[in-house]
PDB file of N, CA and C in Angstrom:
ATOM      1  N   MET A   1     111.354  65.450  75.820  1.00  0.00           N
ATOM      2  CA  MET A   1     111.985  64.333  75.157  1.00  0.00           C
ATOM      3  C   MET A   1     112.362  64.773  73.748  1.00  0.00           C
ATOM      4  N   LEU A   2     113.628  64.622  73.415  1.00  0.00           N
ATOM      5  CA  LEU A   2     114.134  65.041  72.115  1.00  0.00           C
ATOM      6  C   LEU A   2     113.880  63.937  71.093  1.00  0.00           C
ATOM      7  N   LEU A   3     113.072  64.239  70.084  1.00  0.00           N
ATOM      8  CA  LEU A   3     112.741  63.240  69.066  1.00  0.00           C
ATOM      9  C   LEU A   3     113.745  63.253  67.923  1.00  0.00           C
ATOM     10  N   ARG A   4     113.929  64.389  67.354  1.00  0.00           N
ATOM     11  CA  ARG A   4     114.946  64.558  66.320  1.00  0.00           C
ATOM     12  C   ARG A   4     115.492  65.962  66.469  1.00  0.00           C
ATOM     13  N   ARG A   5     116.468  66.260  65.743  1.00  0.00           N
ATOM     14  CA  ARG A   5     117.164  67.534  65.918  1.00  0.00           C
ATOM     15  C   ARG A   5     116.200  68.721  65.848  1.00  0.00           C
ATOM     16  N   GLY A   6     116.122  69.476  66.951  1.00  0.00           N
ATOM     17  CA  GLY A   6     115.305  70.680  66.992  1.00  0.00           C
ATOM     18  C   GLY A   6     113.846  70.454  67.322  1.00  0.00           C
ATOM     19  N   VAL A   7     113.391  69.201  67.489  1.00  0.00           N
ATOM     20  CA  VAL A   7     111.988  68.935  67.803  1.00  0.00           C
ATOM     21  C   VAL A   7     111.927  68.380  69.216  1.00  0.00           C
ATOM     22  N   CYS A   8     111.085  68.960  70.029  1.00  0.00           N
ATOM     23  CA  CYS A   8     110.987  68.536  71.419  1.00  0.00           C
ATOM     24  C   CYS A   8     109.519  68.472  71.816  1.00  0.00           C
ATOM     25  N   ARG A   9     109.114  67.383  72.428  1.00  0.00           N
ATOM     26  CA  ARG A   9     107.759  67.270  72.951  1.00  0.00           C
ATOM     27  C   ARG A   9     107.825  67.309  74.467  1.00  0.00           C
ATOM     28  N   PRO A  10     107.063  68.201  75.082  1.00  0.00           N
ATOM     29  CA  PRO A  10     107.124  68.297  76.538  1.00  0.00           C
ATOM     30  C   PRO A  10     106.508  67.060  77.197  1.00  0.00           C
ATOM     31  N   SER A  11     107.027  66.744  78.367  1.00  0.00           N
ATOM     32  CA  SER A  11     106.457  65.643  79.130  1.00  0.00           C
ATOM     33  C   SER A  11     105.109  66.082  79.688  1.00  0.00           C
ATOM     34  N   GLN A  12     104.383  65.171  80.287  1.00  0.00           N
ATOM     35  CA  GLN A  12     103.072  65.504  80.848  1.00  0.00           C
ATOM     36  C   GLN A  12     103.230  66.549  81.957  1.00  0.00           C
ATOM     37  N   ARG A  13     104.249  66.402  82.776  1.00  0.00           N
ATOM     38  CA  ARG A  13     104.497  67.363  83.861  1.00  0.00           C
ATOM     39  C   ARG A  13     104.813  68.742  83.290  1.00  0.00           C
ATOM     40  N   GLU A  14     105.640  68.801  82.270  1.00  0.00           N
ATOM     41  CA  GLU A  14     105.972  70.077  81.637  1.00  0.00           C
ATOM     42  C   GLU A  14     104.744  70.715  81.011  1.00  0.00           C
ATOM     43  N   ALA A  15     103.885  69.916  80.414  1.00  0.00           N
ATOM     44  CA  ALA A  15     102.651  70.444  79.819  1.00  0.00           C
ATOM     45  C   ALA A  15     101.740  71.010  80.904  1.00  0.00           C
ATOM     46  N   GLN A  16     101.663  70.339  82.065  1.00  0.00           N
ATOM     47  CA  GLN A  16     100.854  70.847  83.177  1.00  0.00           C
ATOM     48  C   GLN A  16     101.431  72.157  83.701  1.00  0.00           C
ATOM     49  N   ASP A  17     102.754  72.202  83.825  1.00  0.00           N
ATOM     50  CA  ASP A  17     103.403  73.434  84.280  1.00  0.00           C
ATOM     51  C   ASP A  17     103.144  74.583  83.309  1.00  0.00           C
ATOM     52  N   ALA A  18     103.237  74.304  82.023  1.00  0.00           N
ATOM     53  CA  ALA A  18     103.003  75.341  81.019  1.00  0.00           C
ATOM     54  C   ALA A  18     101.564  75.845  81.083  1.00  0.00           C
ATOM     55  N   GLU A  19     100.607  74.948  81.264  1.00  0.00           N
ATOM     56  CA  GLU A  19      99.206  75.361  81.367  1.00  0.00           C
ATOM     57  C   GLU A  19      98.976  76.196  82.623  1.00  0.00           C
ATOM     58  N   MET A  20      99.614  75.820  83.734  1.00  0.00           N
ATOM     59  CA  MET A  20      99.485  76.587  84.968  1.00  0.00           C
ATOM     60  C   MET A  20     100.047  78.000  84.787  1.00  0.00           C
ATOM     61  N   LEU A  21     101.184  78.121  84.100  1.00  0.00           N
ATOM     62  CA  LEU A  21     101.774  79.430  83.852  1.00  0.00           C
ATOM     63  C   LEU A  21     100.909  80.281  82.927  1.00  0.00           C
ATOM     64  N   ARG A  22     100.295  79.640  81.933  1.00  0.00           N
ATOM     65  CA  ARG A  22      99.376  80.387  81.056  1.00  0.00           C
ATOM     66  C   ARG A  22      98.185  80.918  81.849  1.00  0.00           C
ATOM     67  N   GLU A  23      97.657  80.112  82.770  1.00  0.00           N
ATOM     68  CA  GLU A  23      96.531  80.539  83.599  1.00  0.00           C
ATOM     69  C   GLU A  23      96.944  81.692  84.511  1.00  0.00           C
ATOM     70  N   LEU A  24      98.122  81.609  85.098  1.00  0.00           N
ATOM     71  CA  LEU A  24      98.615  82.714  85.934  1.00  0.00           C
ATOM     72  C   LEU A  24      98.779  83.992  85.119  1.00  0.00           C
ATOM     73  N   ALA A  25      99.261  83.856  83.894  1.00  0.00           N
ATOM     74  CA  ALA A  25      99.418  85.029  83.031  1.00  0.00           C
ATOM     75  C   ALA A  25      98.058  85.633  82.694  1.00  0.00           C
ATOM     76  N   ARG A  26      97.060  84.798  82.435  1.00  0.00           N
ATOM     77  CA  ARG A  26      95.713  85.315  82.160  1.00  0.00           C
ATOM     78  C   ARG A  26      95.162  86.064  83.369  1.00  0.00           C
ATOM     79  N   GLU A  27      95.363  85.511  84.564  1.00  0.00           N
ATOM     80  CA  GLU A  27      94.891  86.179  85.773  1.00  0.00           C
ATOM     81  C   GLU A  27      95.607  87.514  85.985  1.00  0.00           C
ATOM     82  N   ALA A  28      96.915  87.537  85.725  1.00  0.00           N
ATOM     83  CA  ALA A  28      97.671  88.780  85.882  1.00  0.00           C
ATOM     84  C   ALA A  28      97.177  89.851  84.919  1.00  0.00           C
ATOM     85  N   VAL A  29      96.875  89.456  83.695  1.00  0.00           N
ATOM     86  CA  VAL A  29      96.358  90.413  82.710  1.00  0.00           C
ATOM     87  C   VAL A  29      95.021  90.985  83.180  1.00  0.00           C
ATOM     88  N   GLU A  30      94.158  90.142  83.727  1.00  0.00           N
ATOM     89  CA  GLU A  30      92.858  90.615  84.215  1.00  0.00           C
ATOM     90  C   GLU A  30      93.032  91.594  85.377  1.00  0.00           C
ATOM     91  N   VAL A  31      93.940  91.297  86.289  1.00  0.00           N
ATOM     92  CA  VAL A  31      94.183  92.203  87.421  1.00  0.00           C
ATOM     93  C   VAL A  31      94.714  93.536  86.918  1.00  0.00           C
ATOM     94  N   LEU A  32      95.660  93.483  85.984  1.00  0.00           N
ATOM     95  CA  LEU A  32      96.251  94.723  85.481  1.00  0.00           C
ATOM     96  C   LEU A  32      95.267  95.565  84.691  1.00  0.00           C
ATOM     97  N   LYS A  33      94.241  94.959  84.127  1.00  0.00           N
ATOM     98  CA  LYS A  33      93.227  95.729  83.406  1.00  0.00           C
ATOM     99  C   LYS A  33      92.461  96.652  84.343  1.00  0.00           C
ATOM    100  N   HIS A  34      92.352  96.278  85.621  1.00  0.00           N
ATOM    101  CA  HIS A  34      91.576  97.048  86.586  1.00  0.00           C
ATOM    102  C   HIS A  34      92.433  98.030  87.372  1.00  0.00           C
ATOM    103  N   CYS A  35      93.733  98.046  87.151  1.00  0.00           N
ATOM    104  CA  CYS A  35      94.637  98.948  87.863  1.00  0.00           C
ATOM    105  C   CYS A  35      94.808 100.237  87.061  1.00  0.00           C
ATOM    106  N   PRO A  36      95.062 101.335  87.763  1.00  0.00           N
ATOM    107  CA  PRO A  36      95.330 102.577  87.034  1.00  0.00           C
ATOM    108  C   PRO A  36      96.672 102.478  86.302  1.00  0.00           C
ATOM    109  N   ALA A  37      96.827 103.316  85.313  1.00  0.00           N
ATOM    110  CA  ALA A  37      98.079 103.335  84.553  1.00  0.00           C
ATOM    111  C   ALA A  37      99.223 103.753  85.481  1.00  0.00           C
ATOM    112  N   PRO A  38     100.418 103.246  85.264  1.00  0.00           N
ATOM    113  CA  PRO A  38     101.543 103.624  86.123  1.00  0.00           C
ATOM    114  C   PRO A  38     101.872 105.099  85.991  1.00  0.00           C
ATOM    115  N   ASP A  39     102.361 105.677  87.056  1.00  0.00           N
ATOM    116  CA  ASP A  39     102.720 107.090  87.082  1.00  0.00           C
ATOM    117  C   ASP A  39     104.097 107.264  86.465  1.00  0.00           C
ATOM    118  N   THR A  40     104.182 108.064  85.422  1.00  0.00           N
ATOM    119  CA  THR A  40     105.461 108.265  84.735  1.00  0.00           C
ATOM    120  C   THR A  40     106.106 109.591  85.100  1.00  0.00           C
ATOM    121  N   PHE A  41     105.479 110.370  85.954  1.00  0.00           N
ATOM    122  CA  PHE A  41     105.957 111.677  86.386  1.00  0.00           C
ATOM    123  C   PHE A  41     105.961 112.708  85.257  1.00  0.00           C
ATOM    124  N   LEU A  42     105.401 112.368  84.092  1.00  0.00           N
ATOM    125  CA  LEU A  42     105.355 113.332  83.000  1.00  0.00           C
ATOM    126  C   LEU A  42     104.363 114.437  83.339  1.00  0.00           C
ATOM    127  N   GLY A  43     104.750 115.636  83.087  1.00  0.00           N
ATOM    128  CA  GLY A  43     103.883 116.773  83.334  1.00  0.00           C
ATOM    129  C   GLY A  43     103.948 117.302  84.760  1.00  0.00           C
ATOM    130  N   ARG A  44     104.696 116.637  85.621  1.00  0.00           N
ATOM    131  CA  ARG A  44     104.833 117.153  86.982  1.00  0.00           C
ATOM    132  C   ARG A  44     105.821 118.311  86.991  1.00  0.00           C
ATOM    133  N   LYS A  45     105.626 119.196  87.949  1.00  0.00           N
ATOM    134  CA  LYS A  45     106.507 120.354  88.042  1.00  0.00           C
ATOM    135  C   LYS A  45     107.447 120.183  89.233  1.00  0.00           C
ATOM    136  N   THR A  46     108.165 119.085  89.241  1.00  0.00           N
ATOM    137  CA  THR A  46     109.049 118.806  90.371  1.00  0.00           C
ATOM    138  C   THR A  46     110.304 119.668  90.352  1.00  0.00           C
ATOM    139  N   GLN A  47     110.596 120.289  89.218  1.00  0.00           N
ATOM    140  CA  GLN A  47     111.788 121.118  89.152  1.00  0.00           C
ATOM    141  C   GLN A  47     111.572 122.483  89.807  1.00  0.00           C
ATOM    142  N   GLU A  48     110.315 122.840  90.067  1.00  0.00           N
ATOM    143  CA  GLU A  48     110.022 124.131  90.677  1.00  0.00           C
ATOM    144  C   GLU A  48     110.121 124.018  92.190  1.00  0.00           C
ATOM    145  N   PRO A  49     110.702 125.019  92.848  1.00  0.00           N
ATOM    146  CA  PRO A  49     110.830 124.954  94.304  1.00  0.00           C
ATOM    147  C   PRO A  49     109.461 125.109  94.982  1.00  0.00           C
ATOM    148  N   PHE A  50     109.394 124.656  96.224  1.00  0.00           N
ATOM    149  CA  PHE A  50     108.175 124.844  96.995  1.00  0.00           C
ATOM    150  C   PHE A  50     107.996 126.321  97.302  1.00  0.00           C
ATOM    151  N   PRO A  51     106.748 126.767  97.444  1.00  0.00           N
ATOM    152  CA  PRO A  51     106.536 128.178  97.783  1.00  0.00           C
ATOM    153  C   PRO A  51     107.070 128.468  99.192  1.00  0.00           C
ATOM    154  N   LYS A  52     107.539 129.691  99.386  1.00  0.00           N
ATOM    155  CA  LYS A  52     108.073 130.095 100.692  1.00  0.00           C
ATOM    156  C   LYS A  52     106.934 130.234 101.685  1.00  0.00           C
ATOM    157  N   GLU A  53     107.201 129.830 102.924  1.00  0.00           N
ATOM    158  CA  GLU A  53     106.213 129.981 103.990  1.00  0.00           C
ATOM    159  C   GLU A  53     106.580 131.185 104.839  1.00  0.00           C
ATOM    160  N   THR A  54     105.560 131.791 105.392  1.00  0.00           N
ATOM    161  CA  THR A  54     105.815 132.856 106.365  1.00  0.00           C
ATOM    162  C   THR A  54     105.935 132.210 107.739  1.00  0.00           C
ATOM    163  N   ARG A  55     106.462 132.926 108.684  1.00  0.00           N
ATOM    164  CA  ARG A  55     106.621 132.373 110.033  1.00  0.00           C
ATOM    165  C   ARG A  55     105.272 131.996 110.643  1.00  0.00           C
ATOM    166  N   GLU A  56     104.221 132.716 110.305  1.00  0.00           N
ATOM    167  CA  GLU A  56     102.905 132.430 110.862  1.00  0.00           C
ATOM    168  C   GLU A  56     102.343 131.099 110.331  1.00  0.00           C
ATOM    169  N   GLN A  57     102.728 130.742 109.124  1.00  0.00           N
ATOM    170  CA  GLN A  57     102.221 129.515 108.513  1.00  0.00           C
ATOM    171  C   GLN A  57     102.964 128.276 108.975  1.00  0.00           C
ATOM    172  N   ARG A  58     104.171 128.436 109.484  1.00  0.00           N
ATOM    173  CA  ARG A  58     104.960 127.278 109.895  1.00  0.00           C
ATOM    174  C   ARG A  58     104.402 126.656 111.162  1.00  0.00           C
ATOM    175  N   ARG A  59     104.535 125.348 111.238  1.00  0.00           N
ATOM    176  CA  ARG A  59     104.164 124.655 112.468  1.00  0.00           C
ATOM    177  C   ARG A  59     105.319 124.757 113.446  1.00  0.00           C
ATOM    178  N   PRO A  60     105.018 124.800 114.723  1.00  0.00           N
ATOM    179  CA  PRO A  60     106.131 124.835 115.693  1.00  0.00           C
ATOM    180  C   PRO A  60     106.912 123.527 115.649  1.00  0.00           C
ATOM    181  N   GLN A  61     108.219 123.636 115.726  1.00  0.00           N
ATOM    182  CA  GLN A  61     109.088 122.468 115.713  1.00  0.00           C
ATOM    183  C   GLN A  61     109.084 121.796 117.077  1.00  0.00           C
ATOM    184  N   LEU A  62     109.049 120.487 117.081  1.00  0.00           N
ATOM    185  CA  LEU A  62     109.070 119.734 118.318  1.00  0.00           C
ATOM    186  C   LEU A  62     110.507 119.616 118.798  1.00  0.00           C
ATOM    187  N   ASN A  63     110.753 120.037 120.005  1.00  0.00           N
ATOM    188  CA  ASN A  63     112.084 119.979 120.576  1.00  0.00           C
ATOM    189  C   ASN A  63     112.238 118.649 121.289  1.00  0.00           C
ATOM    190  N   LEU A  64     112.909 117.697 120.629  1.00  0.00           N
ATOM    191  CA  LEU A  64     113.059 116.358 121.184  1.00  0.00           C
ATOM    192  C   LEU A  64     114.017 116.326 122.353  1.00  0.00           C
ATOM    193  N   ARG A  65     114.988 117.226 122.377  1.00  0.00           N
ATOM    194  CA  ARG A  65     115.934 117.263 123.495  1.00  0.00           C
ATOM    195  C   ARG A  65     115.263 117.680 124.792  1.00  0.00           C
ATOM    196  N   ALA A  66     114.273 118.517 124.689  1.00  0.00           N
ATOM    197  CA  ALA A  66     113.565 118.967 125.897  1.00  0.00           C
ATOM    198  C   ALA A  66     112.715 117.841 126.471  1.00  0.00           C
ATOM    199  N   LEU A  67     112.307 116.855 125.657  1.00  0.00           N
ATOM    200  CA  LEU A  67     111.478 115.773 126.142  1.00  0.00           C
ATOM    201  C   LEU A  67     112.289 114.694 126.849  1.00  0.00           C
ATOM    202  N   SER A  68     113.568 114.589 126.568  1.00  0.00           N
ATOM    203  CA  SER A  68     114.341 113.500 127.170  1.00  0.00           C
ATOM    204  C   SER A  68     115.031 113.893 128.436  1.00  0.00           C
TER     205      SER A  68
END
């Protein structure tokens, strides 16, 4: 409800909604405190190629055409 220019008082429903959102935000903060930090990929060596495998180390390839 607009009382005068720039001043607004929330209705009872709006106040309840705001309190519910504050409670959800508090719960989210608590959950995030127990989660590990997000992975930023810093320090990973993804630019380096995988090491070469020898034929003995490779797994045999499954021939799907032979199964059908």
